[in-house]
Amino acid sequence: MTILSNHTQIIYSGTGRRKTSIAQVRLIPGSGKLIINGLPGESYLQFSPNYLRISCLPLQILGLSKEYDIYVKAEGGGLTGQADAIRLGLARALCTINPENRTTLKSEGLLTRDARVKERKKYGLRKARKAPQYSKR
C-alpha cells in the first residue's frame, strides 16, 4: 500500500490475492473508469454483472464510484479469483486514502483475505480426497 506522487497526481495502490490470482490495483482521481490489463473492465470481465459488481463493491459501499479511475494488473487463476483479488486490492487502496474508510470496509468483510485454495492431490487417490472404489475381492 504505497502512495506515489507522479507530477502532482497522487496514485494510491493496494495488492489483492485470491486462490492463485494476484491483482495490483492503482487508484487515480478521475471519472470512475475501470481498466484491467489495458482493457476496459467490462470487456475483460466478459460483461458479467456479477464480476463487475464484486470488483467495484468497496467503491459503491463508500459512495465513491465516480471519484477514482481504477487501473489493475491482474494475473493468475480465473475470472472469479481475479475479481475477488481486485476487490481486496481496491479495499486496501481505499484504506490508504482515508483511514476512516477502514472501519466501514472491515465491517463489510472486504479487508479479509479469503485463504481457501485448491487442495493438492495425494498419491493413491484420484483427487485430493476421492478414493478409488473399494473392492472386497
N, C-alpha and C. Protein backbone atom coordinates (compact mmCIF):
# COMPACT_ATOMS: atom_id res chain seq x y z
N MET A 1 0.84 -1.17 0.00
CA MET A 1 0.00 0.00 0.00
C MET A 1 0.89 1.24 0.00
N THR A 2 1.25 1.66 -1.18
CA THR A 2 2.17 2.77 -1.32
C THR A 2 1.46 3.97 -1.91
N ILE A 3 1.83 5.13 -1.45
CA ILE A 3 1.31 6.35 -2.04
C ILE A 3 2.44 6.94 -2.87
N LEU A 4 2.22 7.01 -4.17
CA LEU A 4 3.23 7.53 -5.08
C LEU A 4 2.78 8.88 -5.61
N SER A 5 3.69 9.83 -5.66
CA SER A 5 3.37 11.13 -6.24
C SER A 5 3.98 11.18 -7.63
N ASN A 6 3.18 11.52 -8.62
CA ASN A 6 3.61 11.44 -10.00
C ASN A 6 3.23 12.74 -10.70
N HIS A 7 4.08 13.78 -10.61
CA HIS A 7 3.81 15.07 -11.23
C HIS A 7 2.45 15.62 -10.81
N THR A 8 2.28 15.91 -9.57
CA THR A 8 1.07 16.46 -8.96
C THR A 8 -0.13 15.52 -9.03
N GLN A 9 0.07 14.27 -9.44
CA GLN A 9 -1.02 13.31 -9.48
C GLN A 9 -0.72 12.23 -8.44
N ILE A 10 -1.62 12.06 -7.50
CA ILE A 10 -1.40 11.10 -6.43
C ILE A 10 -1.99 9.75 -6.83
N ILE A 11 -1.20 8.70 -6.67
CA ILE A 11 -1.64 7.35 -7.01
C ILE A 11 -1.68 6.54 -5.72
N TYR A 12 -2.83 5.95 -5.44
CA TYR A 12 -2.99 5.08 -4.27
C TYR A 12 -2.99 3.64 -4.78
N SER A 13 -2.26 2.76 -4.10
CA SER A 13 -2.19 1.38 -4.60
C SER A 13 -2.44 0.38 -3.49
N GLY A 14 -2.88 -0.81 -3.91
CA GLY A 14 -3.12 -1.91 -3.00
C GLY A 14 -3.02 -3.21 -3.76
N THR A 15 -2.61 -4.27 -3.06
CA THR A 15 -2.48 -5.59 -3.68
C THR A 15 -3.51 -6.53 -3.08
N GLY A 16 -4.19 -7.27 -3.96
CA GLY A 16 -5.17 -8.24 -3.51
C GLY A 16 -4.83 -9.63 -4.04
N ARG A 17 -5.16 -10.65 -3.26
CA ARG A 17 -4.91 -12.03 -3.67
C ARG A 17 -6.14 -12.87 -3.38
N ARG A 18 -6.36 -13.89 -4.23
CA ARG A 18 -7.45 -14.85 -4.03
C ARG A 18 -7.14 -16.08 -4.85
N LYS A 19 -7.20 -17.27 -4.25
CA LYS A 19 -6.81 -18.53 -4.90
C LYS A 19 -5.40 -18.35 -5.46
N THR A 20 -5.20 -18.43 -6.78
CA THR A 20 -3.87 -18.22 -7.34
C THR A 20 -3.78 -16.90 -8.09
N SER A 21 -4.75 -16.01 -7.89
CA SER A 21 -4.79 -14.73 -8.59
C SER A 21 -4.15 -13.63 -7.74
N ILE A 22 -3.48 -12.72 -8.43
CA ILE A 22 -2.89 -11.54 -7.79
C ILE A 22 -3.32 -10.33 -8.60
N ALA A 23 -3.78 -9.29 -7.91
CA ALA A 23 -4.20 -8.06 -8.58
C ALA A 23 -3.50 -6.87 -7.93
N GLN A 24 -2.80 -6.09 -8.74
CA GLN A 24 -2.19 -4.85 -8.28
C GLN A 24 -3.12 -3.72 -8.72
N VAL A 25 -3.72 -3.03 -7.76
CA VAL A 25 -4.73 -2.02 -8.03
C VAL A 25 -4.15 -0.65 -7.78
N ARG A 26 -4.36 0.27 -8.74
CA ARG A 26 -3.95 1.66 -8.59
C ARG A 26 -5.17 2.55 -8.73
N LEU A 27 -5.34 3.47 -7.80
CA LEU A 27 -6.44 4.43 -7.82
C LEU A 27 -5.90 5.81 -8.14
N ILE A 28 -6.52 6.45 -9.14
CA ILE A 28 -6.14 7.80 -9.53
C ILE A 28 -7.41 8.63 -9.54
N PRO A 29 -7.41 9.82 -8.95
CA PRO A 29 -8.61 10.66 -9.02
C PRO A 29 -9.04 10.87 -10.46
N GLY A 30 -10.32 10.61 -10.75
CA GLY A 30 -10.82 10.70 -12.13
C GLY A 30 -12.32 10.55 -12.21
N SER A 31 -12.76 9.85 -13.25
CA SER A 31 -14.19 9.80 -13.56
C SER A 31 -14.86 8.46 -13.23
N GLY A 32 -14.12 7.47 -12.77
CA GLY A 32 -14.73 6.21 -12.39
C GLY A 32 -14.58 5.09 -13.39
N LYS A 33 -13.59 5.16 -14.30
CA LYS A 33 -13.43 4.08 -15.27
C LYS A 33 -12.56 2.96 -14.68
N LEU A 34 -12.79 1.75 -15.17
CA LEU A 34 -12.08 0.55 -14.71
C LEU A 34 -11.29 -0.02 -15.88
N ILE A 35 -9.96 -0.09 -15.73
CA ILE A 35 -9.08 -0.64 -16.76
C ILE A 35 -8.34 -1.83 -16.15
N ILE A 36 -8.50 -3.01 -16.76
CA ILE A 36 -7.83 -4.22 -16.27
C ILE A 36 -6.92 -4.74 -17.38
N ASN A 37 -5.64 -4.82 -17.10
CA ASN A 37 -4.64 -5.30 -18.06
C ASN A 37 -4.74 -4.58 -19.41
N GLY A 38 -5.00 -3.28 -19.38
CA GLY A 38 -5.06 -2.48 -20.60
C GLY A 38 -6.39 -2.53 -21.32
N LEU A 39 -7.34 -3.31 -20.85
CA LEU A 39 -8.65 -3.42 -21.49
C LEU A 39 -9.71 -2.78 -20.59
N PRO A 40 -10.81 -2.31 -21.18
CA PRO A 40 -11.92 -1.83 -20.33
C PRO A 40 -12.41 -2.97 -19.44
N GLY A 41 -12.76 -2.64 -18.21
CA GLY A 41 -13.14 -3.64 -17.22
C GLY A 41 -14.30 -4.50 -17.66
N GLU A 42 -15.28 -3.90 -18.36
CA GLU A 42 -16.46 -4.65 -18.79
C GLU A 42 -16.07 -5.76 -19.76
N SER A 43 -15.22 -5.44 -20.72
CA SER A 43 -14.85 -6.46 -21.71
C SER A 43 -13.91 -7.51 -21.10
N TYR A 44 -13.00 -7.11 -20.18
CA TYR A 44 -12.10 -8.07 -19.57
C TYR A 44 -12.87 -9.07 -18.71
N LEU A 45 -13.88 -8.59 -18.00
CA LEU A 45 -14.69 -9.47 -17.14
C LEU A 45 -15.88 -10.05 -17.90
N GLN A 46 -15.84 -10.01 -19.21
CA GLN A 46 -16.82 -10.63 -20.12
C GLN A 46 -18.24 -10.14 -19.87
N PHE A 47 -18.37 -8.84 -19.57
CA PHE A 47 -19.66 -8.18 -19.39
C PHE A 47 -20.53 -8.87 -18.34
N SER A 48 -19.89 -9.58 -17.40
CA SER A 48 -20.63 -10.27 -16.35
C SER A 48 -21.00 -9.26 -15.25
N PRO A 49 -22.30 -9.05 -15.02
CA PRO A 49 -22.67 -8.08 -13.99
C PRO A 49 -22.21 -8.51 -12.59
N ASN A 50 -22.11 -9.82 -12.36
CA ASN A 50 -21.67 -10.30 -11.06
C ASN A 50 -20.20 -9.96 -10.81
N TYR A 51 -19.32 -10.22 -11.78
CA TYR A 51 -17.90 -9.91 -11.63
C TYR A 51 -17.68 -8.41 -11.50
N LEU A 52 -18.42 -7.60 -12.28
CA LEU A 52 -18.28 -6.15 -12.21
C LEU A 52 -18.74 -5.63 -10.84
N ARG A 53 -19.82 -6.19 -10.33
CA ARG A 53 -20.34 -5.76 -9.02
C ARG A 53 -19.35 -6.11 -7.92
N ILE A 54 -18.80 -7.34 -7.98
CA ILE A 54 -17.83 -7.77 -6.97
C ILE A 54 -16.59 -6.88 -7.01
N SER A 55 -16.09 -6.57 -8.21
CA SER A 55 -14.85 -5.81 -8.35
C SER A 55 -14.97 -4.40 -7.79
N CYS A 56 -16.11 -3.76 -8.00
CA CYS A 56 -16.28 -2.35 -7.61
C CYS A 56 -17.03 -2.18 -6.29
N LEU A 57 -17.27 -3.25 -5.56
CA LEU A 57 -18.06 -3.20 -4.34
C LEU A 57 -17.52 -2.21 -3.28
N PRO A 58 -16.20 -2.17 -3.01
CA PRO A 58 -15.73 -1.22 -1.99
C PRO A 58 -16.06 0.24 -2.33
N LEU A 59 -15.94 0.61 -3.61
CA LEU A 59 -16.26 1.98 -4.01
C LEU A 59 -17.74 2.27 -3.85
N GLN A 60 -18.60 1.30 -4.17
CA GLN A 60 -20.04 1.50 -4.06
C GLN A 60 -20.45 1.65 -2.59
N ILE A 61 -19.83 0.89 -1.70
CA ILE A 61 -20.17 0.97 -0.29
C ILE A 61 -19.81 2.34 0.28
N LEU A 62 -18.66 2.88 -0.15
CA LEU A 62 -18.22 4.18 0.35
C LEU A 62 -18.83 5.34 -0.44
N GLY A 63 -19.54 5.05 -1.53
CA GLY A 63 -20.15 6.10 -2.35
C GLY A 63 -19.15 6.89 -3.16
N LEU A 64 -18.07 6.24 -3.58
CA LEU A 64 -17.01 6.92 -4.36
C LEU A 64 -16.91 6.37 -5.78
N SER A 65 -18.00 5.85 -6.33
CA SER A 65 -17.95 5.16 -7.62
C SER A 65 -17.42 6.03 -8.76
N LYS A 66 -17.75 7.31 -8.75
CA LYS A 66 -17.36 8.20 -9.85
C LYS A 66 -16.19 9.11 -9.50
N GLU A 67 -15.51 8.81 -8.38
CA GLU A 67 -14.43 9.69 -7.91
C GLU A 67 -13.04 9.28 -8.40
N TYR A 68 -12.83 7.97 -8.61
CA TYR A 68 -11.50 7.47 -8.92
C TYR A 68 -11.51 6.58 -10.16
N ASP A 69 -10.43 6.67 -10.94
CA ASP A 69 -10.18 5.72 -12.02
C ASP A 69 -9.39 4.56 -11.43
N ILE A 70 -9.73 3.33 -11.85
CA ILE A 70 -9.10 2.13 -11.30
C ILE A 70 -8.27 1.48 -12.41
N TYR A 71 -6.98 1.35 -12.18
CA TYR A 71 -6.10 0.66 -13.11
C TYR A 71 -5.59 -0.61 -12.42
N VAL A 72 -5.80 -1.76 -13.06
CA VAL A 72 -5.50 -3.04 -12.43
C VAL A 72 -4.56 -3.85 -13.32
N LYS A 73 -3.57 -4.49 -12.69
CA LYS A 73 -2.76 -5.52 -13.35
C LYS A 73 -3.10 -6.82 -12.64
N ALA A 74 -3.84 -7.69 -13.33
CA ALA A 74 -4.28 -8.96 -12.74
C ALA A 74 -3.62 -10.12 -13.46
N GLU A 75 -3.21 -11.11 -12.68
CA GLU A 75 -2.62 -12.30 -13.29
C GLU A 75 -2.93 -13.52 -12.45
N GLY A 76 -2.91 -14.67 -13.11
CA GLY A 76 -3.12 -15.95 -12.45
C GLY A 76 -4.58 -16.27 -12.23
N GLY A 77 -4.88 -17.56 -12.11
CA GLY A 77 -6.24 -18.00 -11.80
C GLY A 77 -7.24 -17.72 -12.89
N GLY A 78 -8.50 -17.65 -12.51
CA GLY A 78 -9.58 -17.37 -13.45
C GLY A 78 -10.26 -16.06 -13.10
N LEU A 79 -11.38 -15.81 -13.74
CA LEU A 79 -12.07 -14.53 -13.55
C LEU A 79 -12.63 -14.39 -12.13
N THR A 80 -13.10 -15.48 -11.53
CA THR A 80 -13.65 -15.39 -10.18
C THR A 80 -12.56 -14.98 -9.19
N GLY A 81 -11.42 -15.64 -9.26
CA GLY A 81 -10.32 -15.30 -8.37
C GLY A 81 -9.80 -13.90 -8.61
N GLN A 82 -9.73 -13.49 -9.88
CA GLN A 82 -9.23 -12.16 -10.20
C GLN A 82 -10.19 -11.08 -9.73
N ALA A 83 -11.51 -11.32 -9.87
CA ALA A 83 -12.50 -10.34 -9.41
C ALA A 83 -12.40 -10.15 -7.90
N ASP A 84 -12.24 -11.25 -7.16
CA ASP A 84 -12.11 -11.15 -5.71
C ASP A 84 -10.78 -10.50 -5.31
N ALA A 85 -9.72 -10.76 -6.08
CA ALA A 85 -8.43 -10.14 -5.80
C ALA A 85 -8.50 -8.64 -6.05
N ILE A 86 -9.21 -8.23 -7.10
CA ILE A 86 -9.39 -6.80 -7.38
C ILE A 86 -10.15 -6.14 -6.25
N ARG A 87 -11.17 -6.81 -5.74
CA ARG A 87 -11.96 -6.26 -4.63
C ARG A 87 -11.09 -6.01 -3.40
N LEU A 88 -10.24 -6.99 -3.04
CA LEU A 88 -9.38 -6.83 -1.87
C LEU A 88 -8.34 -5.73 -2.10
N GLY A 89 -7.74 -5.70 -3.28
CA GLY A 89 -6.75 -4.66 -3.59
C GLY A 89 -7.36 -3.27 -3.57
N LEU A 90 -8.58 -3.16 -4.08
CA LEU A 90 -9.29 -1.88 -4.09
C LEU A 90 -9.61 -1.43 -2.67
N ALA A 91 -10.05 -2.36 -1.83
CA ALA A 91 -10.36 -2.02 -0.43
C ALA A 91 -9.10 -1.56 0.30
N ARG A 92 -7.98 -2.22 0.05
CA ARG A 92 -6.73 -1.83 0.70
C ARG A 92 -6.26 -0.45 0.23
N ALA A 93 -6.44 -0.17 -1.07
CA ALA A 93 -6.06 1.15 -1.59
C ALA A 93 -6.94 2.24 -0.99
N LEU A 94 -8.22 1.96 -0.80
CA LEU A 94 -9.12 2.95 -0.21
C LEU A 94 -8.77 3.23 1.25
N CYS A 95 -8.17 2.25 1.93
CA CYS A 95 -7.75 2.47 3.32
C CYS A 95 -6.56 3.42 3.39
N THR A 96 -5.73 3.44 2.34
CA THR A 96 -4.60 4.37 2.34
C THR A 96 -5.07 5.79 2.06
N ILE A 97 -6.18 5.95 1.34
CA ILE A 97 -6.71 7.28 1.06
C ILE A 97 -7.20 7.94 2.34
N ASN A 98 -8.01 7.20 3.09
CA ASN A 98 -8.58 7.74 4.31
C ASN A 98 -8.68 6.61 5.33
N PRO A 99 -7.95 6.68 6.43
CA PRO A 99 -8.00 5.60 7.42
C PRO A 99 -9.39 5.37 8.02
N GLU A 100 -10.28 6.35 7.91
CA GLU A 100 -11.64 6.18 8.43
C GLU A 100 -12.45 5.20 7.58
N ASN A 101 -12.01 4.99 6.33
CA ASN A 101 -12.70 4.02 5.47
C ASN A 101 -12.53 2.60 6.00
N ARG A 102 -11.48 2.38 6.77
CA ARG A 102 -11.15 1.03 7.23
C ARG A 102 -12.27 0.41 8.05
N THR A 103 -12.89 1.16 8.94
CA THR A 103 -13.94 0.60 9.79
C THR A 103 -15.15 0.17 8.98
N THR A 104 -15.52 1.00 7.98
CA THR A 104 -16.66 0.65 7.13
C THR A 104 -16.37 -0.60 6.31
N LEU A 105 -15.19 -0.65 5.69
CA LEU A 105 -14.84 -1.79 4.84
C LEU A 105 -14.64 -3.05 5.67
N LYS A 106 -14.09 -2.91 6.88
CA LYS A 106 -13.86 -4.08 7.72
C LYS A 106 -15.18 -4.68 8.21
N SER A 107 -16.16 -3.82 8.52
CA SER A 107 -17.45 -4.33 8.97
C SER A 107 -18.19 -5.06 7.85
N GLU A 108 -17.90 -4.70 6.59
CA GLU A 108 -18.49 -5.39 5.44
C GLU A 108 -17.70 -6.66 5.07
N GLY A 109 -16.55 -6.87 5.69
CA GLY A 109 -15.75 -8.07 5.42
C GLY A 109 -14.90 -7.97 4.17
N LEU A 110 -14.61 -6.75 3.72
CA LEU A 110 -13.87 -6.57 2.46
C LEU A 110 -12.36 -6.52 2.65
N LEU A 111 -11.89 -6.49 3.89
CA LEU A 111 -10.44 -6.44 4.12
C LEU A 111 -9.88 -7.79 4.53
N THR A 112 -10.70 -8.84 4.46
CA THR A 112 -10.27 -10.18 4.84
C THR A 112 -9.82 -10.94 3.60
N ARG A 113 -8.61 -11.48 3.64
CA ARG A 113 -8.09 -12.28 2.53
C ARG A 113 -8.69 -13.67 2.63
N ASP A 114 -9.39 -14.10 1.58
CA ASP A 114 -10.01 -15.42 1.56
C ASP A 114 -8.91 -16.46 1.32
N ALA A 115 -8.61 -17.28 2.32
CA ALA A 115 -7.46 -18.17 2.27
C ALA A 115 -7.74 -19.51 1.60
N ARG A 116 -8.97 -19.72 1.11
CA ARG A 116 -9.29 -21.02 0.52
C ARG A 116 -8.57 -21.20 -0.82
N VAL A 117 -7.78 -22.24 -0.93
CA VAL A 117 -7.11 -22.59 -2.18
C VAL A 117 -7.37 -24.06 -2.46
N LYS A 118 -7.13 -24.47 -3.71
CA LYS A 118 -7.37 -25.86 -4.09
C LYS A 118 -6.39 -26.77 -3.36
N GLU A 119 -6.93 -27.85 -2.80
CA GLU A 119 -6.11 -28.81 -2.05
C GLU A 119 -5.35 -29.69 -3.04
N ARG A 120 -4.13 -30.05 -2.69
CA ARG A 120 -3.31 -30.83 -3.61
C ARG A 120 -3.76 -32.29 -3.67
N LYS A 121 -3.49 -32.95 -4.80
CA LYS A 121 -3.81 -34.35 -4.99
C LYS A 121 -2.80 -35.21 -4.23
N LYS A 122 -3.30 -36.25 -3.54
CA LYS A 122 -2.42 -37.17 -2.83
C LYS A 122 -2.25 -38.46 -3.62
N TYR A 123 -1.11 -39.10 -3.47
CA TYR A 123 -0.88 -40.36 -4.19
C TYR A 123 -1.83 -41.42 -3.67
N GLY A 124 -2.25 -42.32 -4.55
CA GLY A 124 -3.18 -43.38 -4.18
C GLY A 124 -4.63 -42.93 -4.25
N LEU A 125 -4.87 -41.64 -4.46
CA LEU A 125 -6.23 -41.12 -4.58
C LEU A 125 -6.44 -40.53 -5.97
N ARG A 126 -7.70 -40.43 -6.37
CA ARG A 126 -7.99 -39.90 -7.70
C ARG A 126 -7.93 -38.37 -7.73
N LYS A 127 -8.40 -37.77 -6.63
CA LYS A 127 -8.32 -36.32 -6.47
C LYS A 127 -7.74 -36.06 -5.09
N ALA A 128 -7.99 -34.90 -4.51
CA ALA A 128 -7.42 -34.61 -3.20
C ALA A 128 -7.93 -35.58 -2.13
N ARG A 129 -9.23 -35.91 -2.21
CA ARG A 129 -9.81 -36.80 -1.19
C ARG A 129 -10.61 -37.97 -1.77
N LYS A 130 -10.82 -37.98 -3.07
CA LYS A 130 -11.65 -39.04 -3.69
C LYS A 130 -10.81 -40.32 -3.84
N ALA A 131 -11.26 -41.38 -3.18
CA ALA A 131 -10.54 -42.65 -3.23
C ALA A 131 -11.11 -43.53 -4.33
N PRO A 132 -10.30 -44.46 -4.86
CA PRO A 132 -10.86 -45.41 -5.84
C PRO A 132 -11.93 -46.29 -5.17
N GLN A 133 -12.82 -46.82 -5.99
CA GLN A 133 -13.91 -47.63 -5.45
C GLN A 133 -13.36 -48.86 -4.73
N TYR A 134 -13.91 -49.12 -3.57
CA TYR A 134 -13.46 -50.25 -2.75
C TYR A 134 -13.98 -51.57 -3.35
N SER A 135 -13.08 -52.54 -3.44
CA SER A 135 -13.47 -53.86 -3.93
C SER A 135 -13.11 -54.90 -2.86
N LYS A 136 -14.11 -55.69 -2.47
CA LYS A 136 -13.87 -56.66 -1.41
C LYS A 136 -13.01 -57.83 -1.89
N ARG A 137 -13.15 -58.23 -3.15
CA ARG A 137 -12.37 -59.34 -3.70
C ARG A 137 -11.60 -58.93 -4.93
